[in-house]
Amino acid sequence: MKDRQRRPGRGMPFRKSTGPGQSGGWKATLRAFVLLVAVVSVLGSVIAYSIVSGGLSAHDEPGRVEEALARAMRRWATPQAMRGRTNPVQPTPEVINQAL
């Protein structure tokens, strides 16, 4: 090949990315992966500690955390267009007896 200067970013797949403003490449990916593993580990440890210290129970009333999680999951599972709608079936005694 001829000895001539090429413009950066043109036909140079293995160019050094150490300049300012350029991404760190695999180092940034590795750092993000390690951070993700650390966050998941901490969350898992907190959940395990809460189960071990408080235990699992079959009480009539759920705990605060369980109630908050249930509300969040119900909100996420319901499409936004359906959240504000009212039930078309009125809760009359006949309808309730039919449902049982």
N, C-alpha and C. Protein backbone atom coordinates (compact mmCIF):
# COMPACT_ATOMS: atom_id res chain seq x y z
N MET A 1 0.83 -1.18 0.00
CA MET A 1 0.00 0.00 0.00
C MET A 1 0.88 1.25 0.00
N LYS A 2 0.32 2.29 -0.48
CA LYS A 2 1.06 3.54 -0.53
C LYS A 2 1.11 4.17 0.85
N ASP A 3 2.17 4.92 1.08
CA ASP A 3 2.30 5.64 2.34
C ASP A 3 1.62 7.00 2.21
N ARG A 4 0.35 7.05 2.50
CA ARG A 4 -0.36 8.32 2.46
C ARG A 4 -1.25 8.43 3.71
N GLN A 5 -1.56 9.63 4.04
CA GLN A 5 -2.37 9.91 5.23
C GLN A 5 -3.84 9.65 4.91
N ARG A 6 -4.52 8.99 5.83
CA ARG A 6 -5.96 8.79 5.69
C ARG A 6 -6.67 9.64 6.73
N ARG A 7 -7.86 10.04 6.39
CA ARG A 7 -8.65 10.81 7.34
C ARG A 7 -9.12 9.86 8.44
N PRO A 8 -9.13 10.31 9.69
CA PRO A 8 -9.60 9.46 10.79
C PRO A 8 -11.04 9.03 10.57
N GLY A 9 -11.30 7.78 10.86
CA GLY A 9 -12.66 7.26 10.74
C GLY A 9 -13.00 6.74 9.37
N ARG A 10 -12.09 6.78 8.45
CA ARG A 10 -12.36 6.32 7.09
C ARG A 10 -11.51 5.11 6.79
N GLY A 11 -12.11 3.91 6.82
CA GLY A 11 -11.39 2.70 6.46
C GLY A 11 -10.36 2.27 7.47
N MET A 12 -10.51 2.69 8.71
CA MET A 12 -9.55 2.32 9.75
C MET A 12 -10.32 1.63 10.89
N PRO A 13 -10.58 0.33 10.78
CA PRO A 13 -11.42 -0.33 11.78
C PRO A 13 -10.77 -0.48 13.15
N PHE A 14 -9.45 -0.47 13.25
CA PHE A 14 -8.78 -0.70 14.52
C PHE A 14 -8.06 0.54 15.01
N ARG A 15 -8.73 1.64 14.96
CA ARG A 15 -8.15 2.91 15.34
C ARG A 15 -8.13 3.02 16.86
N LYS A 16 -7.16 3.69 17.41
CA LYS A 16 -7.06 3.88 18.85
C LYS A 16 -8.15 4.83 19.31
N SER A 17 -8.77 4.51 20.43
CA SER A 17 -9.86 5.36 20.94
C SER A 17 -9.49 5.94 22.29
N THR A 18 -8.31 6.52 22.38
CA THR A 18 -7.86 7.08 23.64
C THR A 18 -7.98 8.59 23.69
N GLY A 19 -8.43 9.19 22.64
CA GLY A 19 -8.53 10.64 22.60
C GLY A 19 -9.70 11.14 23.43
N PRO A 20 -9.70 12.43 23.74
CA PRO A 20 -10.79 12.97 24.53
C PRO A 20 -12.10 12.95 23.75
N GLY A 21 -13.19 12.62 24.47
CA GLY A 21 -14.49 12.60 23.84
C GLY A 21 -14.84 11.31 23.14
N GLN A 22 -13.95 10.34 23.14
CA GLN A 22 -14.24 9.07 22.50
C GLN A 22 -14.59 8.04 23.57
N SER A 23 -15.39 7.06 23.21
CA SER A 23 -15.82 6.06 24.19
C SER A 23 -14.67 5.14 24.56
N GLY A 24 -14.81 4.50 25.72
CA GLY A 24 -13.77 3.61 26.21
C GLY A 24 -13.88 2.22 25.65
N GLY A 25 -14.87 1.95 24.81
CA GLY A 25 -15.00 0.65 24.18
C GLY A 25 -15.35 -0.44 25.17
N TRP A 26 -14.57 -1.50 25.19
CA TRP A 26 -14.87 -2.65 26.04
C TRP A 26 -14.69 -2.32 27.51
N LYS A 27 -13.89 -1.33 27.84
CA LYS A 27 -13.72 -0.96 29.25
C LYS A 27 -15.02 -0.39 29.82
N ALA A 28 -15.71 0.41 29.04
CA ALA A 28 -16.98 0.98 29.49
C ALA A 28 -18.03 -0.12 29.63
N THR A 29 -18.02 -1.08 28.71
CA THR A 29 -18.96 -2.19 28.78
C THR A 29 -18.67 -3.05 30.00
N LEU A 30 -17.42 -3.32 30.27
CA LEU A 30 -17.05 -4.11 31.44
C LEU A 30 -17.43 -3.38 32.72
N ARG A 31 -17.21 -2.08 32.77
CA ARG A 31 -17.56 -1.29 33.95
C ARG A 31 -19.07 -1.32 34.18
N ALA A 32 -19.85 -1.19 33.12
CA ALA A 32 -21.31 -1.24 33.24
C ALA A 32 -21.78 -2.61 33.70
N PHE A 33 -21.16 -3.66 33.20
CA PHE A 33 -21.52 -5.02 33.59
C PHE A 33 -21.21 -5.26 35.07
N VAL A 34 -20.04 -4.82 35.51
CA VAL A 34 -19.67 -4.99 36.93
C VAL A 34 -20.63 -4.21 37.82
N LEU A 35 -21.01 -3.00 37.40
CA LEU A 35 -21.96 -2.21 38.17
C LEU A 35 -23.32 -2.89 38.23
N LEU A 36 -23.77 -3.45 37.12
CA LEU A 36 -25.04 -4.17 37.09
C LEU A 36 -25.02 -5.38 38.01
N VAL A 37 -23.93 -6.14 37.98
CA VAL A 37 -23.81 -7.31 38.87
C VAL A 37 -23.82 -6.87 40.33
N ALA A 38 -23.15 -5.77 40.65
CA ALA A 38 -23.11 -5.28 42.03
C ALA A 38 -24.50 -4.85 42.49
N VAL A 39 -25.24 -4.14 41.65
CA VAL A 39 -26.58 -3.68 42.02
C VAL A 39 -27.52 -4.87 42.21
N VAL A 40 -27.47 -5.84 41.32
CA VAL A 40 -28.31 -7.03 41.45
C VAL A 40 -27.95 -7.81 42.71
N SER A 41 -26.67 -7.88 43.03
CA SER A 41 -26.23 -8.58 44.24
C SER A 41 -26.74 -7.89 45.49
N VAL A 42 -26.66 -6.58 45.53
CA VAL A 42 -27.14 -5.83 46.69
C VAL A 42 -28.65 -6.00 46.84
N LEU A 43 -29.39 -5.88 45.75
CA LEU A 43 -30.84 -6.06 45.82
C LEU A 43 -31.20 -7.47 46.26
N GLY A 44 -30.51 -8.47 45.75
CA GLY A 44 -30.76 -9.84 46.17
C GLY A 44 -30.46 -10.05 47.64
N SER A 45 -29.40 -9.43 48.12
CA SER A 45 -29.05 -9.54 49.53
C SER A 45 -30.11 -8.89 50.41
N VAL A 46 -30.62 -7.74 50.01
CA VAL A 46 -31.65 -7.06 50.79
C VAL A 46 -32.93 -7.89 50.83
N ILE A 47 -33.32 -8.46 49.70
CA ILE A 47 -34.52 -9.30 49.66
C ILE A 47 -34.34 -10.55 50.50
N ALA A 48 -33.19 -11.19 50.39
CA ALA A 48 -32.93 -12.39 51.19
C ALA A 48 -32.94 -12.06 52.68
N TYR A 49 -32.36 -10.94 53.06
CA TYR A 49 -32.34 -10.55 54.47
C TYR A 49 -33.76 -10.29 54.98
N SER A 50 -34.59 -9.63 54.17
CA SER A 50 -35.95 -9.35 54.61
C SER A 50 -36.77 -10.62 54.75
N ILE A 51 -36.53 -11.60 53.89
CA ILE A 51 -37.26 -12.86 54.01
C ILE A 51 -36.78 -13.64 55.21
N VAL A 52 -35.47 -13.67 55.44
CA VAL A 52 -34.93 -14.42 56.58
C VAL A 52 -35.33 -13.77 57.90
N SER A 53 -35.25 -12.45 57.98
CA SER A 53 -35.55 -11.78 59.25
C SER A 53 -37.05 -11.73 59.53
N GLY A 54 -37.87 -11.50 58.52
CA GLY A 54 -39.31 -11.40 58.73
C GLY A 54 -40.05 -12.68 58.42
N GLY A 55 -39.47 -13.50 57.59
CA GLY A 55 -40.11 -14.75 57.22
C GLY A 55 -41.25 -14.55 56.24
N LEU A 56 -41.75 -15.64 55.73
CA LEU A 56 -42.91 -15.62 54.86
C LEU A 56 -44.11 -16.03 55.71
N SER A 57 -45.22 -15.33 55.54
CA SER A 57 -46.39 -15.64 56.36
C SER A 57 -47.64 -15.66 55.50
N ALA A 58 -48.69 -16.19 56.07
CA ALA A 58 -49.97 -16.25 55.38
C ALA A 58 -51.01 -15.42 56.12
N HIS A 59 -50.59 -14.26 56.62
CA HIS A 59 -51.51 -13.38 57.33
C HIS A 59 -52.56 -12.83 56.38
N ASP A 60 -53.70 -12.40 56.97
CA ASP A 60 -54.75 -11.81 56.16
C ASP A 60 -54.31 -10.50 55.52
N GLU A 61 -53.54 -9.71 56.24
CA GLU A 61 -53.07 -8.42 55.75
C GLU A 61 -51.64 -8.55 55.25
N PRO A 62 -51.36 -8.10 54.01
CA PRO A 62 -49.98 -8.14 53.52
C PRO A 62 -49.13 -7.05 54.17
N GLY A 63 -47.83 -7.24 54.12
CA GLY A 63 -46.92 -6.24 54.64
C GLY A 63 -46.86 -5.02 53.72
N ARG A 64 -46.19 -3.95 54.19
CA ARG A 64 -46.11 -2.72 53.41
C ARG A 64 -45.37 -2.93 52.09
N VAL A 65 -44.29 -3.67 52.15
CA VAL A 65 -43.50 -3.89 50.93
C VAL A 65 -44.29 -4.72 49.93
N GLU A 66 -44.94 -5.77 50.43
CA GLU A 66 -45.73 -6.63 49.54
C GLU A 66 -46.88 -5.85 48.92
N GLU A 67 -47.52 -5.00 49.70
CA GLU A 67 -48.62 -4.19 49.18
C GLU A 67 -48.14 -3.21 48.12
N ALA A 68 -46.99 -2.57 48.35
CA ALA A 68 -46.45 -1.62 47.38
C ALA A 68 -46.06 -2.34 46.09
N LEU A 69 -45.44 -3.51 46.21
CA LEU A 69 -45.06 -4.27 45.02
C LEU A 69 -46.28 -4.72 44.23
N ALA A 70 -47.32 -5.16 44.93
CA ALA A 70 -48.54 -5.61 44.25
C ALA A 70 -49.20 -4.45 43.50
N ARG A 71 -49.25 -3.29 44.13
CA ARG A 71 -49.84 -2.13 43.45
C ARG A 71 -49.03 -1.74 42.21
N ALA A 72 -47.71 -1.75 42.34
CA ALA A 72 -46.86 -1.39 41.21
C ALA A 72 -47.02 -2.40 40.07
N MET A 73 -47.04 -3.67 40.38
CA MET A 73 -47.19 -4.68 39.33
C MET A 73 -48.55 -4.58 38.66
N ARG A 74 -49.60 -4.30 39.44
CA ARG A 74 -50.93 -4.15 38.85
C ARG A 74 -50.97 -2.93 37.93
N ARG A 75 -50.32 -1.84 38.35
CA ARG A 75 -50.29 -0.62 37.54
C ARG A 75 -49.51 -0.86 36.24
N TRP A 76 -48.38 -1.58 36.33
CA TRP A 76 -47.58 -1.86 35.14
C TRP A 76 -48.30 -2.81 34.18
N ALA A 77 -49.11 -3.72 34.73
CA ALA A 77 -49.78 -4.72 33.90
C ALA A 77 -51.02 -4.16 33.21
N THR A 78 -51.56 -3.06 33.72
CA THR A 78 -52.77 -2.48 33.15
C THR A 78 -52.41 -1.41 32.13
N PRO A 79 -52.90 -1.52 30.90
CA PRO A 79 -52.62 -0.48 29.91
C PRO A 79 -53.16 0.88 30.36
N GLN A 80 -52.46 1.93 30.04
CA GLN A 80 -52.83 3.26 30.51
C GLN A 80 -54.22 3.67 30.02
N ALA A 81 -54.61 3.24 28.84
CA ALA A 81 -55.93 3.60 28.32
C ALA A 81 -57.05 2.96 29.13
N MET A 82 -56.77 1.87 29.82
CA MET A 82 -57.80 1.15 30.58
C MET A 82 -57.86 1.56 32.05
N ARG A 83 -56.87 2.26 32.55
CA ARG A 83 -56.80 2.57 33.98
C ARG A 83 -57.94 3.44 34.47
N GLY A 84 -58.35 4.40 33.69
CA GLY A 84 -59.38 5.34 34.14
C GLY A 84 -60.81 4.90 33.86
N ARG A 85 -61.00 3.80 33.19
CA ARG A 85 -62.35 3.35 32.84
C ARG A 85 -63.08 2.79 34.04
N THR A 86 -64.39 2.91 34.03
CA THR A 86 -65.20 2.34 35.11
C THR A 86 -65.75 0.99 34.67
N ASN A 87 -66.14 0.19 35.64
CA ASN A 87 -66.68 -1.13 35.36
C ASN A 87 -68.08 -0.98 34.78
N PRO A 88 -68.37 -1.57 33.63
CA PRO A 88 -69.70 -1.43 33.03
C PRO A 88 -70.78 -2.24 33.77
N VAL A 89 -70.37 -3.21 34.58
CA VAL A 89 -71.33 -4.03 35.32
C VAL A 89 -71.49 -3.42 36.71
N GLN A 90 -72.73 -3.04 37.06
CA GLN A 90 -72.99 -2.46 38.37
C GLN A 90 -73.01 -3.56 39.44
N PRO A 91 -72.41 -3.33 40.61
CA PRO A 91 -72.35 -4.37 41.65
C PRO A 91 -73.66 -4.50 42.43
N THR A 92 -74.67 -5.03 41.76
CA THR A 92 -75.94 -5.28 42.44
C THR A 92 -75.88 -6.62 43.14
N PRO A 93 -76.75 -6.86 44.14
CA PRO A 93 -76.74 -8.16 44.84
C PRO A 93 -76.94 -9.35 43.90
N GLU A 94 -77.74 -9.16 42.86
CA GLU A 94 -77.98 -10.25 41.89
C GLU A 94 -76.67 -10.62 41.15
N VAL A 95 -75.94 -9.60 40.73
CA VAL A 95 -74.70 -9.83 40.00
C VAL A 95 -73.67 -10.49 40.93
N ILE A 96 -73.59 -10.05 42.16
CA ILE A 96 -72.65 -10.63 43.11
C ILE A 96 -73.00 -12.08 43.41
N ASN A 97 -74.28 -12.39 43.59
CA ASN A 97 -74.69 -13.79 43.81
C ASN A 97 -74.39 -14.65 42.59
N GLN A 98 -74.55 -14.10 41.41
CA GLN A 98 -74.26 -14.83 40.19
C GLN A 98 -72.76 -15.12 40.08
N ALA A 99 -71.94 -14.21 40.56
CA ALA A 99 -70.50 -14.38 40.48
C ALA A 99 -70.00 -15.43 41.46
N LEU A 100 -70.69 -15.59 42.56
CA LEU A 100 -70.27 -16.59 43.56
C LEU A 100 -70.73 -17.93 43.10
